[in-house]
Amino acid sequence: MNAAQLFVKCLENEGVEYIFGVPGEENAHFMMALEASSIKFILCRHEQGAAFMADVYGRLTGRAGVCMGTLGPGATNLVTGVANANMDRSPVVAITGQADSRRQHKESHQHMDIVGLFRPITKWAQPILHSMNIPEVVRKAFKLAAMEKPGACHIELADDIAAYEVEHVPVPVHHPRRPVPDDKVVDQAIDLISKAKRPIILAGNGAIRKRASNQLRIFSE
């Protein structure tokens, strides 16, 4: 199994259903790994559209939407959608290719500091420096993207590292139990609200992120 195949297995482990993107030469190993995966790749006309599609997926499901682009212009085209997702607290994980790490010092074609570009517009941006780190990096990216406050994360995978042979496995995903409020405190809140003459509800984006719109409507009625 090569590193790209391990990367895809880690995405499957995170429950990824779709990847929106535009492939390129530096994504070749990753794209071939997807051929044997349950994850459906949605080919887009432009990387910006792919990022916005991942953004909307994150908003509607509460799980991180995934978008992908190659190096250089492919990565820069993702910026607008990724930045928008991060500002609006939508969980997104952006994956970009990169030039062979053994020739980056030679001013390789379309090579640029992609991670440096994404750091100001994401919660976390990280290159895969060693193939054995893939499970931990992928788990951290999805964890950070979904936890409060949600936002975008970025992972960079260089062409040569994607081809390395590996024997690692994905990091198990554990979903912590949500805290339950004390019954007495809830009863006190109900009593105060029911006695209020002019109650006001201040609802933020969290009501949408947690898909509590219907409950909020019923409560207000």
N, C-alpha and C. Protein backbone atom coordinates (compact mmCIF):
# COMPACT_ATOMS: atom_id res chain seq x y z
N MET A 1 0.85 -1.20 0.00
CA MET A 1 0.00 0.00 0.00
C MET A 1 0.88 1.24 0.00
N ASN A 2 0.56 2.19 -0.89
CA ASN A 2 1.34 3.43 -0.89
C ASN A 2 0.66 4.48 -0.01
N ALA A 3 1.36 5.60 0.17
CA ALA A 3 0.88 6.65 1.08
C ALA A 3 -0.44 7.24 0.62
N ALA A 4 -0.64 7.37 -0.69
CA ALA A 4 -1.90 7.91 -1.20
C ALA A 4 -3.07 6.99 -0.85
N GLN A 5 -2.84 5.68 -0.94
CA GLN A 5 -3.89 4.72 -0.57
C GLN A 5 -4.19 4.79 0.92
N LEU A 6 -3.14 4.97 1.74
CA LEU A 6 -3.35 5.15 3.17
C LEU A 6 -4.14 6.42 3.45
N PHE A 7 -3.82 7.48 2.73
CA PHE A 7 -4.54 8.76 2.87
C PHE A 7 -6.03 8.55 2.61
N VAL A 8 -6.35 7.85 1.53
CA VAL A 8 -7.75 7.60 1.18
C VAL A 8 -8.43 6.75 2.24
N LYS A 9 -7.73 5.75 2.77
CA LYS A 9 -8.30 4.93 3.84
C LYS A 9 -8.60 5.77 5.08
N CYS A 10 -7.74 6.74 5.34
CA CYS A 10 -7.97 7.65 6.47
C CYS A 10 -9.21 8.51 6.22
N LEU A 11 -9.42 8.92 4.98
CA LEU A 11 -10.62 9.69 4.64
C LEU A 11 -11.87 8.83 4.80
N GLU A 12 -11.79 7.58 4.37
CA GLU A 12 -12.92 6.67 4.56
C GLU A 12 -13.21 6.48 6.05
N ASN A 13 -12.15 6.39 6.84
CA ASN A 13 -12.28 6.25 8.29
C ASN A 13 -12.99 7.44 8.92
N GLU A 14 -12.87 8.61 8.28
CA GLU A 14 -13.53 9.82 8.77
C GLU A 14 -14.97 9.93 8.27
N GLY A 15 -15.40 8.97 7.46
CA GLY A 15 -16.77 8.98 6.95
C GLY A 15 -16.97 9.87 5.74
N VAL A 16 -15.89 10.19 5.02
CA VAL A 16 -16.01 11.05 3.84
C VAL A 16 -16.81 10.35 2.75
N GLU A 17 -17.78 11.04 2.20
CA GLU A 17 -18.63 10.50 1.13
C GLU A 17 -18.23 11.04 -0.23
N TYR A 18 -17.87 12.32 -0.27
CA TYR A 18 -17.57 12.99 -1.54
C TYR A 18 -16.30 13.82 -1.41
N ILE A 19 -15.60 13.95 -2.53
CA ILE A 19 -14.50 14.90 -2.65
C ILE A 19 -14.78 15.74 -3.89
N PHE A 20 -14.82 17.05 -3.72
CA PHE A 20 -15.07 17.97 -4.82
C PHE A 20 -13.74 18.56 -5.28
N GLY A 21 -13.46 18.49 -6.57
CA GLY A 21 -12.16 19.03 -6.96
C GLY A 21 -11.84 18.95 -8.43
N VAL A 22 -10.61 19.34 -8.73
CA VAL A 22 -10.04 19.29 -10.07
C VAL A 22 -8.68 18.61 -9.95
N PRO A 23 -8.49 17.45 -10.56
CA PRO A 23 -7.21 16.74 -10.41
C PRO A 23 -6.10 17.35 -11.26
N GLY A 24 -4.88 16.98 -10.93
CA GLY A 24 -3.71 17.42 -11.68
C GLY A 24 -2.64 16.36 -11.59
N GLU A 25 -1.52 16.59 -12.23
CA GLU A 25 -0.45 15.58 -12.26
C GLU A 25 0.02 15.21 -10.85
N GLU A 26 0.13 16.20 -9.98
CA GLU A 26 0.64 15.94 -8.63
C GLU A 26 -0.40 15.24 -7.74
N ASN A 27 -1.62 15.08 -8.23
CA ASN A 27 -2.66 14.33 -7.50
C ASN A 27 -2.84 12.92 -8.07
N ALA A 28 -1.99 12.53 -9.02
CA ALA A 28 -2.22 11.29 -9.76
C ALA A 28 -2.31 10.06 -8.84
N HIS A 29 -1.39 9.92 -7.90
CA HIS A 29 -1.42 8.77 -7.00
C HIS A 29 -2.69 8.79 -6.15
N PHE A 30 -3.08 9.96 -5.71
CA PHE A 30 -4.29 10.11 -4.90
C PHE A 30 -5.52 9.72 -5.71
N MET A 31 -5.60 10.17 -6.95
CA MET A 31 -6.76 9.87 -7.79
C MET A 31 -6.84 8.38 -8.09
N MET A 32 -5.70 7.73 -8.31
CA MET A 32 -5.71 6.29 -8.56
C MET A 32 -6.15 5.53 -7.31
N ALA A 33 -5.78 6.03 -6.14
CA ALA A 33 -6.21 5.40 -4.90
C ALA A 33 -7.72 5.51 -4.72
N LEU A 34 -8.30 6.60 -5.19
CA LEU A 34 -9.75 6.80 -5.08
C LEU A 34 -10.55 5.82 -5.94
N GLU A 35 -9.92 5.27 -6.98
CA GLU A 35 -10.64 4.36 -7.87
C GLU A 35 -11.14 3.12 -7.14
N ALA A 36 -10.43 2.72 -6.09
CA ALA A 36 -10.83 1.53 -5.33
C ALA A 36 -11.56 1.90 -4.04
N SER A 37 -11.99 3.15 -3.94
CA SER A 37 -12.61 3.64 -2.71
C SER A 37 -14.11 3.82 -2.87
N SER A 38 -14.80 3.82 -1.75
CA SER A 38 -16.24 4.10 -1.73
C SER A 38 -16.52 5.59 -1.86
N ILE A 39 -15.48 6.41 -1.70
CA ILE A 39 -15.64 7.86 -1.80
C ILE A 39 -15.86 8.25 -3.26
N LYS A 40 -16.87 9.08 -3.49
CA LYS A 40 -17.18 9.53 -4.85
C LYS A 40 -16.49 10.86 -5.14
N PHE A 41 -15.73 10.90 -6.23
CA PHE A 41 -15.06 12.13 -6.61
C PHE A 41 -15.97 12.93 -7.55
N ILE A 42 -16.25 14.18 -7.18
CA ILE A 42 -17.09 15.05 -7.98
C ILE A 42 -16.19 16.01 -8.75
N LEU A 43 -16.07 15.78 -10.06
CA LEU A 43 -15.22 16.63 -10.89
C LEU A 43 -15.88 17.99 -11.11
N CYS A 44 -15.17 19.05 -10.81
CA CYS A 44 -15.70 20.41 -10.93
C CYS A 44 -15.00 21.14 -12.07
N ARG A 45 -15.64 22.18 -12.57
CA ARG A 45 -15.04 22.97 -13.64
C ARG A 45 -13.94 23.89 -13.14
N HIS A 46 -14.02 24.26 -11.88
CA HIS A 46 -13.07 25.22 -11.31
C HIS A 46 -12.90 24.90 -9.83
N GLU A 47 -11.68 25.05 -9.33
CA GLU A 47 -11.41 24.74 -7.92
C GLU A 47 -12.20 25.62 -6.96
N GLN A 48 -12.47 26.85 -7.34
CA GLN A 48 -13.25 27.72 -6.46
C GLN A 48 -14.64 27.13 -6.23
N GLY A 49 -15.25 26.63 -7.30
CA GLY A 49 -16.55 25.98 -7.17
C GLY A 49 -16.46 24.75 -6.28
N ALA A 50 -15.37 24.00 -6.38
CA ALA A 50 -15.18 22.82 -5.55
C ALA A 50 -15.13 23.19 -4.07
N ALA A 51 -14.44 24.29 -3.76
CA ALA A 51 -14.34 24.74 -2.37
C ALA A 51 -15.70 25.16 -1.83
N PHE A 52 -16.49 25.86 -2.66
CA PHE A 52 -17.82 26.28 -2.22
C PHE A 52 -18.75 25.08 -2.05
N MET A 53 -18.60 24.07 -2.89
CA MET A 53 -19.42 22.86 -2.75
C MET A 53 -19.08 22.14 -1.44
N ALA A 54 -17.80 22.08 -1.11
CA ALA A 54 -17.39 21.49 0.17
C ALA A 54 -17.92 22.31 1.34
N ASP A 55 -17.91 23.62 1.18
CA ASP A 55 -18.44 24.54 2.19
C ASP A 55 -19.92 24.25 2.46
N VAL A 56 -20.71 24.15 1.40
CA VAL A 56 -22.15 23.90 1.54
C VAL A 56 -22.39 22.52 2.16
N TYR A 57 -21.61 21.53 1.74
CA TYR A 57 -21.74 20.19 2.32
C TYR A 57 -21.52 20.25 3.83
N GLY A 58 -20.51 20.99 4.24
CA GLY A 58 -20.23 21.13 5.67
C GLY A 58 -21.36 21.81 6.42
N ARG A 59 -21.95 22.83 5.81
CA ARG A 59 -23.06 23.55 6.45
C ARG A 59 -24.29 22.66 6.62
N LEU A 60 -24.58 21.85 5.59
CA LEU A 60 -25.80 21.05 5.59
C LEU A 60 -25.70 19.80 6.46
N THR A 61 -24.50 19.24 6.58
CA THR A 61 -24.35 17.97 7.29
C THR A 61 -23.71 18.12 8.67
N GLY A 62 -22.97 19.20 8.88
CA GLY A 62 -22.23 19.34 10.13
C GLY A 62 -20.93 18.57 10.12
N ARG A 63 -20.65 17.84 9.02
CA ARG A 63 -19.39 17.11 8.87
C ARG A 63 -18.52 17.83 7.85
N ALA A 64 -17.23 17.66 7.95
CA ALA A 64 -16.31 18.39 7.07
C ALA A 64 -16.49 18.01 5.61
N GLY A 65 -16.72 19.01 4.77
CA GLY A 65 -16.72 18.81 3.34
C GLY A 65 -15.27 18.81 2.86
N VAL A 66 -14.98 18.04 1.82
CA VAL A 66 -13.60 17.89 1.35
C VAL A 66 -13.48 18.40 -0.08
N CYS A 67 -12.49 19.27 -0.31
CA CYS A 67 -12.21 19.75 -1.66
C CYS A 67 -10.74 19.50 -1.97
N MET A 68 -10.42 19.45 -3.26
CA MET A 68 -9.07 19.10 -3.66
C MET A 68 -8.63 19.88 -4.89
N GLY A 69 -7.36 20.24 -4.91
CA GLY A 69 -6.76 20.89 -6.07
C GLY A 69 -5.31 20.48 -6.18
N THR A 70 -4.71 20.74 -7.31
CA THR A 70 -3.30 20.42 -7.48
C THR A 70 -2.45 21.58 -6.97
N LEU A 71 -1.18 21.59 -7.30
CA LEU A 71 -0.29 22.64 -6.82
C LEU A 71 -0.50 23.94 -7.59
N GLY A 72 0.20 25.00 -7.18
CA GLY A 72 0.18 26.27 -7.91
C GLY A 72 -1.20 26.85 -8.09
N PRO A 73 -1.60 27.11 -9.34
CA PRO A 73 -2.92 27.72 -9.61
C PRO A 73 -4.09 26.89 -9.09
N GLY A 74 -3.94 25.57 -9.07
CA GLY A 74 -5.01 24.73 -8.54
C GLY A 74 -5.27 25.02 -7.08
N ALA A 75 -4.19 25.24 -6.33
CA ALA A 75 -4.32 25.56 -4.91
C ALA A 75 -4.83 26.98 -4.70
N THR A 76 -4.30 27.92 -5.46
CA THR A 76 -4.73 29.32 -5.27
C THR A 76 -6.19 29.50 -5.63
N ASN A 77 -6.70 28.70 -6.57
CA ASN A 77 -8.11 28.80 -6.93
C ASN A 77 -9.04 28.35 -5.80
N LEU A 78 -8.53 27.55 -4.88
CA LEU A 78 -9.34 27.09 -3.75
C LEU A 78 -9.51 28.16 -2.68
N VAL A 79 -8.63 29.17 -2.70
CA VAL A 79 -8.52 30.11 -1.59
C VAL A 79 -9.84 30.80 -1.24
N THR A 80 -10.54 31.34 -2.23
CA THR A 80 -11.76 32.10 -1.95
C THR A 80 -12.80 31.26 -1.20
N GLY A 81 -13.07 30.06 -1.69
CA GLY A 81 -14.06 29.21 -1.05
C GLY A 81 -13.63 28.73 0.33
N VAL A 82 -12.35 28.41 0.47
CA VAL A 82 -11.84 27.95 1.77
C VAL A 82 -11.89 29.09 2.79
N ALA A 83 -11.47 30.28 2.38
CA ALA A 83 -11.52 31.44 3.29
C ALA A 83 -12.95 31.75 3.71
N ASN A 84 -13.88 31.65 2.77
CA ASN A 84 -15.29 31.91 3.08
C ASN A 84 -15.81 30.90 4.10
N ALA A 85 -15.47 29.62 3.90
CA ALA A 85 -15.90 28.59 4.85
C ALA A 85 -15.34 28.85 6.24
N ASN A 86 -14.08 29.25 6.29
CA ASN A 86 -13.46 29.49 7.59
C ASN A 86 -14.09 30.69 8.29
N MET A 87 -14.39 31.75 7.55
CA MET A 87 -15.01 32.93 8.15
C MET A 87 -16.42 32.65 8.63
N ASP A 88 -17.15 31.79 7.89
CA ASP A 88 -18.54 31.48 8.24
C ASP A 88 -18.67 30.26 9.14
N ARG A 89 -17.54 29.76 9.63
CA ARG A 89 -17.52 28.62 10.55
C ARG A 89 -18.16 27.37 9.96
N SER A 90 -17.76 27.06 8.74
CA SER A 90 -18.22 25.84 8.08
C SER A 90 -17.07 24.84 8.03
N PRO A 91 -17.27 23.59 8.45
CA PRO A 91 -16.17 22.61 8.47
C PRO A 91 -15.78 22.16 7.07
N VAL A 92 -14.52 22.37 6.72
CA VAL A 92 -13.99 22.01 5.40
C VAL A 92 -12.56 21.52 5.56
N VAL A 93 -12.19 20.50 4.80
CA VAL A 93 -10.80 20.06 4.72
C VAL A 93 -10.37 20.17 3.26
N ALA A 94 -9.37 20.99 3.00
CA ALA A 94 -8.85 21.19 1.64
C ALA A 94 -7.57 20.38 1.49
N ILE A 95 -7.48 19.64 0.39
CA ILE A 95 -6.30 18.82 0.11
C ILE A 95 -5.65 19.33 -1.17
N THR A 96 -4.35 19.58 -1.12
CA THR A 96 -3.64 20.04 -2.32
C THR A 96 -2.43 19.17 -2.58
N GLY A 97 -2.10 19.03 -3.86
CA GLY A 97 -0.87 18.35 -4.24
C GLY A 97 0.31 19.31 -4.12
N GLN A 98 1.49 18.77 -4.32
CA GLN A 98 2.69 19.60 -4.29
C GLN A 98 3.77 18.92 -5.12
N ALA A 99 4.72 19.72 -5.58
CA ALA A 99 5.81 19.20 -6.38
C ALA A 99 6.64 18.20 -5.58
N ASP A 100 7.33 17.33 -6.29
CA ASP A 100 8.24 16.36 -5.67
C ASP A 100 9.15 17.09 -4.68
N SER A 101 9.18 16.61 -3.44
CA SER A 101 9.95 17.30 -2.40
C SER A 101 11.45 17.31 -2.69
N ARG A 102 11.90 16.43 -3.59
CA ARG A 102 13.33 16.37 -3.91
C ARG A 102 13.75 17.41 -4.94
N ARG A 103 12.77 18.11 -5.52
CA ARG A 103 13.13 19.12 -6.51
C ARG A 103 12.51 20.49 -6.23
N GLN A 104 11.96 20.68 -5.05
CA GLN A 104 11.34 21.96 -4.73
C GLN A 104 12.36 23.08 -4.64
N HIS A 105 13.59 22.76 -4.23
CA HIS A 105 14.62 23.79 -4.11
C HIS A 105 15.12 24.27 -5.47
N LYS A 106 14.72 23.61 -6.54
CA LYS A 106 15.17 23.96 -7.88
C LYS A 106 14.20 24.91 -8.59
N GLU A 107 13.33 25.56 -7.84
CA GLU A 107 12.30 26.42 -8.42
C GLU A 107 11.47 25.63 -9.43
N SER A 108 10.97 24.52 -8.95
CA SER A 108 10.18 23.61 -9.78
C SER A 108 8.95 24.31 -10.35
N HIS A 109 8.50 23.83 -11.50
CA HIS A 109 7.35 24.42 -12.20
C HIS A 109 6.12 24.49 -11.30
N GLN A 110 5.57 25.68 -11.14
CA GLN A 110 4.36 25.97 -10.37
C GLN A 110 4.50 25.68 -8.87
N HIS A 111 5.73 25.46 -8.41
CA HIS A 111 5.91 25.25 -6.97
C HIS A 111 5.81 26.57 -6.23
N MET A 112 5.06 26.58 -5.15
CA MET A 112 4.93 27.77 -4.30
C MET A 112 4.64 27.31 -2.87
N ASP A 113 4.72 28.24 -1.94
CA ASP A 113 4.46 27.93 -0.53
C ASP A 113 2.95 27.89 -0.30
N ILE A 114 2.35 26.75 -0.60
CA ILE A 114 0.90 26.61 -0.47
C ILE A 114 0.46 26.63 0.99
N VAL A 115 1.21 25.96 1.84
CA VAL A 115 0.85 25.92 3.26
C VAL A 115 0.89 27.33 3.85
N GLY A 116 1.91 28.11 3.48
CA GLY A 116 1.99 29.49 3.94
C GLY A 116 0.82 30.32 3.46
N LEU A 117 0.32 30.00 2.27
CA LEU A 117 -0.84 30.70 1.71
C LEU A 117 -2.11 30.40 2.50
N PHE A 118 -2.26 29.14 2.93
CA PHE A 118 -3.49 28.71 3.59
C PHE A 118 -3.52 28.98 5.09
N ARG A 119 -2.38 29.15 5.72
CA ARG A 119 -2.37 29.32 7.18
C ARG A 119 -3.22 30.50 7.67
N PRO A 120 -3.18 31.67 7.02
CA PRO A 120 -3.99 32.79 7.52
C PRO A 120 -5.49 32.62 7.32
N ILE A 121 -5.91 31.68 6.46
CA ILE A 121 -7.33 31.54 6.15
C ILE A 121 -7.91 30.21 6.61
N THR A 122 -7.17 29.48 7.45
CA THR A 122 -7.65 28.20 7.98
C THR A 122 -7.38 28.12 9.48
N LYS A 123 -8.00 27.13 10.11
CA LYS A 123 -7.69 26.87 11.51
C LYS A 123 -6.34 26.18 11.65
N TRP A 124 -5.96 25.41 10.61
CA TRP A 124 -4.71 24.65 10.66
C TRP A 124 -4.33 24.24 9.25
N ALA A 125 -3.08 24.41 8.89
CA ALA A 125 -2.57 24.00 7.58
C ALA A 125 -1.27 23.24 7.80
N GLN A 126 -1.16 22.05 7.19
CA GLN A 126 -0.01 21.20 7.48
C GLN A 126 0.41 20.38 6.26
N PRO A 127 1.70 20.40 5.90
CA PRO A 127 2.19 19.52 4.85
C PRO A 127 2.47 18.13 5.41
N ILE A 128 2.30 17.10 4.60
CA ILE A 128 2.70 15.75 4.99
C ILE A 128 4.21 15.65 4.76
N LEU A 129 4.99 15.66 5.83
CA LEU A 129 6.45 15.62 5.71
C LEU A 129 6.97 14.19 5.68
N HIS A 130 6.24 13.28 6.31
CA HIS A 130 6.61 11.87 6.33
C HIS A 130 5.34 11.05 6.16
N SER A 131 5.40 10.03 5.33
CA SER A 131 4.20 9.24 5.03
C SER A 131 3.60 8.60 6.28
N MET A 132 4.44 8.28 7.27
CA MET A 132 3.91 7.64 8.48
C MET A 132 3.03 8.58 9.30
N ASN A 133 3.12 9.89 9.03
CA ASN A 133 2.33 10.86 9.78
C ASN A 133 0.92 11.06 9.22
N ILE A 134 0.63 10.46 8.08
CA ILE A 134 -0.66 10.69 7.42
C ILE A 134 -1.86 10.42 8.34
N PRO A 135 -1.93 9.28 9.04
CA PRO A 135 -3.11 9.04 9.89
C PRO A 135 -3.32 10.12 10.94
N GLU A 136 -2.24 10.57 11.59
CA GLU A 136 -2.38 11.59 12.63
C GLU A 136 -2.77 12.94 12.05
N VAL A 137 -2.18 13.30 10.91
CA VAL A 137 -2.48 14.59 10.29
C VAL A 137 -3.93 14.64 9.83
N VAL A 138 -4.40 13.58 9.18
CA VAL A 138 -5.79 13.54 8.70
C VAL A 138 -6.77 13.60 9.87
N ARG A 139 -6.50 12.81 10.92
CA ARG A 139 -7.39 12.82 12.10
C ARG A 139 -7.45 14.20 12.73
N LYS A 140 -6.29 14.86 12.85
CA LYS A 140 -6.26 16.18 13.47
C LYS A 140 -7.01 17.19 12.62
N ALA A 141 -6.84 17.13 11.30
CA ALA A 141 -7.50 18.08 10.40
C ALA A 141 -9.02 17.98 10.53
N PHE A 142 -9.55 16.76 10.52
CA PHE A 142 -11.00 16.59 10.61
C PHE A 142 -11.52 16.94 12.01
N LYS A 143 -10.73 16.64 13.02
CA LYS A 143 -11.14 16.98 14.38
C LYS A 143 -11.23 18.49 14.56
N LEU A 144 -10.20 19.21 14.11
CA LEU A 144 -10.18 20.67 14.25
C LEU A 144 -11.26 21.33 13.40
N ALA A 145 -11.49 20.79 12.20
CA ALA A 145 -12.48 21.38 11.30
C ALA A 145 -13.88 21.34 11.91
N ALA A 146 -14.19 20.26 12.64
CA ALA A 146 -15.55 20.07 13.14
C ALA A 146 -15.78 20.62 14.54
N MET A 147 -14.72 20.73 15.35
CA MET A 147 -14.93 21.16 16.73
C MET A 147 -15.20 22.66 16.78
N GLU A 148 -15.85 23.10 17.85
CA GLU A 148 -16.17 24.53 18.00
C GLU A 148 -14.90 25.35 18.14
N LYS A 149 -14.83 26.48 17.49
CA LYS A 149 -15.67 26.92 16.41
C LYS A 149 -15.21 26.25 15.12
N PRO A 150 -16.16 25.67 14.33
CA PRO A 150 -15.78 24.97 13.11
C PRO A 150 -15.07 25.89 12.12
N GLY A 151 -14.42 25.28 11.15
CA GLY A 151 -13.72 26.08 10.13
C GLY A 151 -13.00 25.18 9.15
N ALA A 152 -12.07 25.76 8.43
CA ALA A 152 -11.35 25.04 7.38
C ALA A 152 -9.97 24.60 7.86
N CYS A 153 -9.53 23.45 7.35
CA CYS A 153 -8.17 22.96 7.57
C CYS A 153 -7.59 22.57 6.22
N HIS A 154 -6.26 22.53 6.14
CA HIS A 154 -5.60 22.26 4.87
C HIS A 154 -4.51 21.21 5.05
N ILE A 155 -4.44 20.27 4.11
CA ILE A 155 -3.39 19.25 4.10
C ILE A 155 -2.71 19.26 2.74
N GLU A 156 -1.38 19.25 2.74
CA GLU A 156 -0.61 19.22 1.50
C GLU A 156 0.10 17.87 1.38
N LEU A 157 0.00 17.25 0.21
CA LEU A 157 0.64 15.95 -0.04
C LEU A 157 1.50 16.05 -1.29
N ALA A 158 2.81 15.96 -1.11
CA ALA A 158 3.74 16.05 -2.23
C ALA A 158 3.69 14.79 -3.09
N ASP A 159 4.02 14.94 -4.35
CA ASP A 159 3.91 13.86 -5.33
C ASP A 159 4.74 12.65 -4.95
N ASP A 160 5.98 12.84 -4.54
CA ASP A 160 6.85 11.71 -4.22
C ASP A 160 6.44 11.01 -2.93
N ILE A 161 6.00 11.79 -1.95
CA ILE A 161 5.57 11.19 -0.67
C ILE A 161 4.33 10.33 -0.87
N ALA A 162 3.46 10.73 -1.78
CA ALA A 162 2.23 9.97 -2.05
C ALA A 162 2.53 8.57 -2.58
N ALA A 163 3.72 8.38 -3.16
CA ALA A 163 4.08 7.09 -3.76
C ALA A 163 4.83 6.17 -2.81
N TYR A 164 5.24 6.67 -1.64
CA TYR A 164 6.00 5.86 -0.70
C TYR A 164 5.17 4.67 -0.19
N GLU A 165 5.85 3.55 0.01
CA GLU A 165 5.18 2.38 0.56
C GLU A 165 5.04 2.53 2.08
N VAL A 166 3.89 2.19 2.61
CA VAL A 166 3.62 2.35 4.04
C VAL A 166 2.90 1.11 4.58
N GLU A 167 2.92 0.96 5.91
CA GLU A 167 2.24 -0.15 6.56
C GLU A 167 1.40 0.33 7.74
N HIS A 168 1.01 1.58 7.70
CA HIS A 168 0.28 2.15 8.83
C HIS A 168 -1.23 2.03 8.62
N VAL A 169 -1.99 2.33 9.66
CA VAL A 169 -3.45 2.24 9.61
C VAL A 169 -4.05 3.55 10.12
N PRO A 170 -5.30 3.85 9.76
CA PRO A 170 -5.94 5.09 10.23
C PRO A 170 -6.07 5.13 11.75
N VAL A 171 -6.11 6.34 12.28
CA VAL A 171 -6.34 6.55 13.71
C VAL A 171 -7.84 6.40 13.99
N PRO A 172 -8.22 5.57 14.96
CA PRO A 172 -9.65 5.39 15.26
C PRO A 172 -10.33 6.72 15.60
N VAL A 173 -11.57 6.86 15.15
CA VAL A 173 -12.34 8.08 15.42
C VAL A 173 -13.25 7.82 16.61
N HIS A 174 -13.11 8.65 17.64
CA HIS A 174 -13.96 8.53 18.82
C HIS A 174 -14.83 9.77 18.94
N HIS A 175 -16.12 9.57 19.08
CA HIS A 175 -17.05 10.69 19.22
C HIS A 175 -17.44 10.82 20.70
N PRO A 176 -16.99 11.87 21.37
CA PRO A 176 -17.30 12.03 22.80
C PRO A 176 -18.79 12.27 23.02
N ARG A 177 -19.28 11.82 24.16
CA ARG A 177 -20.69 12.03 24.50
C ARG A 177 -20.92 13.49 24.85
N ARG A 178 -22.06 13.99 24.41
CA ARG A 178 -22.39 15.38 24.71
C ARG A 178 -22.82 15.50 26.18
N PRO A 179 -22.43 16.58 26.84
CA PRO A 179 -22.84 16.77 28.24
C PRO A 179 -24.34 16.97 28.35
N VAL A 180 -24.91 16.48 29.43
CA VAL A 180 -26.35 16.60 29.68
C VAL A 180 -26.57 17.57 30.84
N PRO A 181 -27.43 18.58 30.65
CA PRO A 181 -27.67 19.56 31.73
C PRO A 181 -28.41 18.93 32.90
N ASP A 182 -28.19 19.50 34.06
CA ASP A 182 -28.88 19.04 35.27
C ASP A 182 -30.38 19.31 35.17
N ASP A 183 -31.20 18.34 35.55
CA ASP A 183 -32.66 18.46 35.44
C ASP A 183 -33.19 19.65 36.24
N LYS A 184 -32.63 19.89 37.41
CA LYS A 184 -33.11 21.00 38.24
C LYS A 184 -32.84 22.35 37.58
N VAL A 185 -31.68 22.45 36.96
CA VAL A 185 -31.33 23.70 36.27
C VAL A 185 -32.27 23.93 35.09
N VAL A 186 -32.58 22.85 34.36
CA VAL A 186 -33.51 22.95 33.23
C VAL A 186 -34.89 23.39 33.71
N ASP A 187 -35.35 22.81 34.81
CA ASP A 187 -36.66 23.18 35.37
C ASP A 187 -36.69 24.65 35.78
N GLN A 188 -35.60 25.14 36.34
CA GLN A 188 -35.52 26.54 36.73
C GLN A 188 -35.60 27.46 35.51
N ALA A 189 -34.90 27.05 34.45
CA ALA A 189 -34.91 27.84 33.21
C ALA A 189 -36.31 27.88 32.61
N ILE A 190 -36.99 26.73 32.61
CA ILE A 190 -38.35 26.66 32.07
C ILE A 190 -39.29 27.58 32.86
N ASP A 191 -39.12 27.57 34.17
CA ASP A 191 -39.96 28.40 35.02
C ASP A 191 -39.75 29.89 34.74
N LEU A 192 -38.49 30.29 34.60
CA LEU A 192 -38.18 31.69 34.33
C LEU A 192 -38.71 32.13 32.97
N ILE A 193 -38.54 31.26 31.96
CA ILE A 193 -38.98 31.60 30.61
C ILE A 193 -40.51 31.68 30.54
N SER A 194 -41.18 30.73 31.18
CA SER A 194 -42.65 30.70 31.12
C SER A 194 -43.27 31.91 31.83
N LYS A 195 -42.55 32.49 32.78
CA LYS A 195 -43.06 33.65 33.50
C LYS A 195 -42.65 34.98 32.86
N ALA A 196 -41.78 34.91 31.87
CA ALA A 196 -41.31 36.15 31.23
C ALA A 196 -42.44 36.81 30.45
N LYS A 197 -42.55 38.14 30.57
CA LYS A 197 -43.60 38.88 29.86
C LYS A 197 -43.21 39.17 28.41
N ARG A 198 -41.96 39.46 28.19
CA ARG A 198 -41.48 39.76 26.84
C ARG A 198 -40.17 39.00 26.57
N PRO A 199 -40.26 37.70 26.42
CA PRO A 199 -39.03 36.91 26.21
C PRO A 199 -38.39 37.21 24.85
N ILE A 200 -37.08 37.20 24.82
CA ILE A 200 -36.32 37.44 23.59
C ILE A 200 -35.40 36.25 23.36
N ILE A 201 -35.36 35.76 22.13
CA ILE A 201 -34.46 34.66 21.76
C ILE A 201 -33.34 35.21 20.88
N LEU A 202 -32.11 35.03 21.30
CA LEU A 202 -30.95 35.41 20.50
C LEU A 202 -30.30 34.12 20.00
N ALA A 203 -30.53 33.79 18.74
CA ALA A 203 -30.02 32.55 18.15
C ALA A 203 -28.91 32.87 17.15
N GLY A 204 -27.80 32.19 17.27
CA GLY A 204 -26.68 32.41 16.36
C GLY A 204 -26.50 31.27 15.37
N ASN A 205 -25.34 31.24 14.71
CA ASN A 205 -25.07 30.21 13.71
C ASN A 205 -25.03 28.81 14.31
N GLY A 206 -24.81 28.74 15.62
CA GLY A 206 -24.77 27.43 16.26
C GLY A 206 -26.07 26.67 16.11
N ALA A 207 -27.19 27.39 16.07
CA ALA A 207 -28.49 26.73 15.90
C ALA A 207 -28.59 26.07 14.53
N ILE A 208 -27.92 26.67 13.54
CA ILE A 208 -27.91 26.10 12.20
C ILE A 208 -26.92 24.95 12.13
N ARG A 209 -25.71 25.16 12.70
CA ARG A 209 -24.67 24.13 12.65
C ARG A 209 -25.12 22.84 13.32
N LYS A 210 -25.87 22.97 14.40
CA LYS A 210 -26.34 21.78 15.12
C LYS A 210 -27.70 21.31 14.63
N ARG A 211 -28.16 21.93 13.52
CA ARG A 211 -29.42 21.54 12.87
C ARG A 211 -30.58 21.54 13.88
N ALA A 212 -30.64 22.64 14.65
CA ALA A 212 -31.67 22.77 15.69
C ALA A 212 -32.74 23.78 15.30
N SER A 213 -32.86 24.09 14.02
CA SER A 213 -33.81 25.11 13.57
C SER A 213 -35.25 24.75 13.91
N ASN A 214 -35.62 23.49 13.67
CA ASN A 214 -37.00 23.08 13.96
C ASN A 214 -37.30 23.13 15.45
N GLN A 215 -36.35 22.68 16.27
CA GLN A 215 -36.54 22.73 17.72
C GLN A 215 -36.66 24.17 18.20
N LEU A 216 -35.88 25.06 17.59
CA LEU A 216 -35.94 26.47 17.97
C LEU A 216 -37.29 27.07 17.62
N ARG A 217 -37.82 26.69 16.45
CA ARG A 217 -39.13 27.19 16.03
C ARG A 217 -40.22 26.70 16.97
N ILE A 218 -40.17 25.41 17.30
CA ILE A 218 -41.18 24.84 18.21
C ILE A 218 -41.10 25.51 19.57
N PHE A 219 -39.89 25.73 20.05
CA PHE A 219 -39.69 26.37 21.35
C PHE A 219 -40.26 27.79 21.36
N SER A 220 -40.03 28.52 20.28
CA SER A 220 -40.49 29.91 20.22
C SER A 220 -42.01 29.99 20.12
N GLU A 221 -42.63 29.00 19.46
CA GLU A 221 -44.08 28.99 19.32
C GLU A 221 -44.77 28.61 20.64
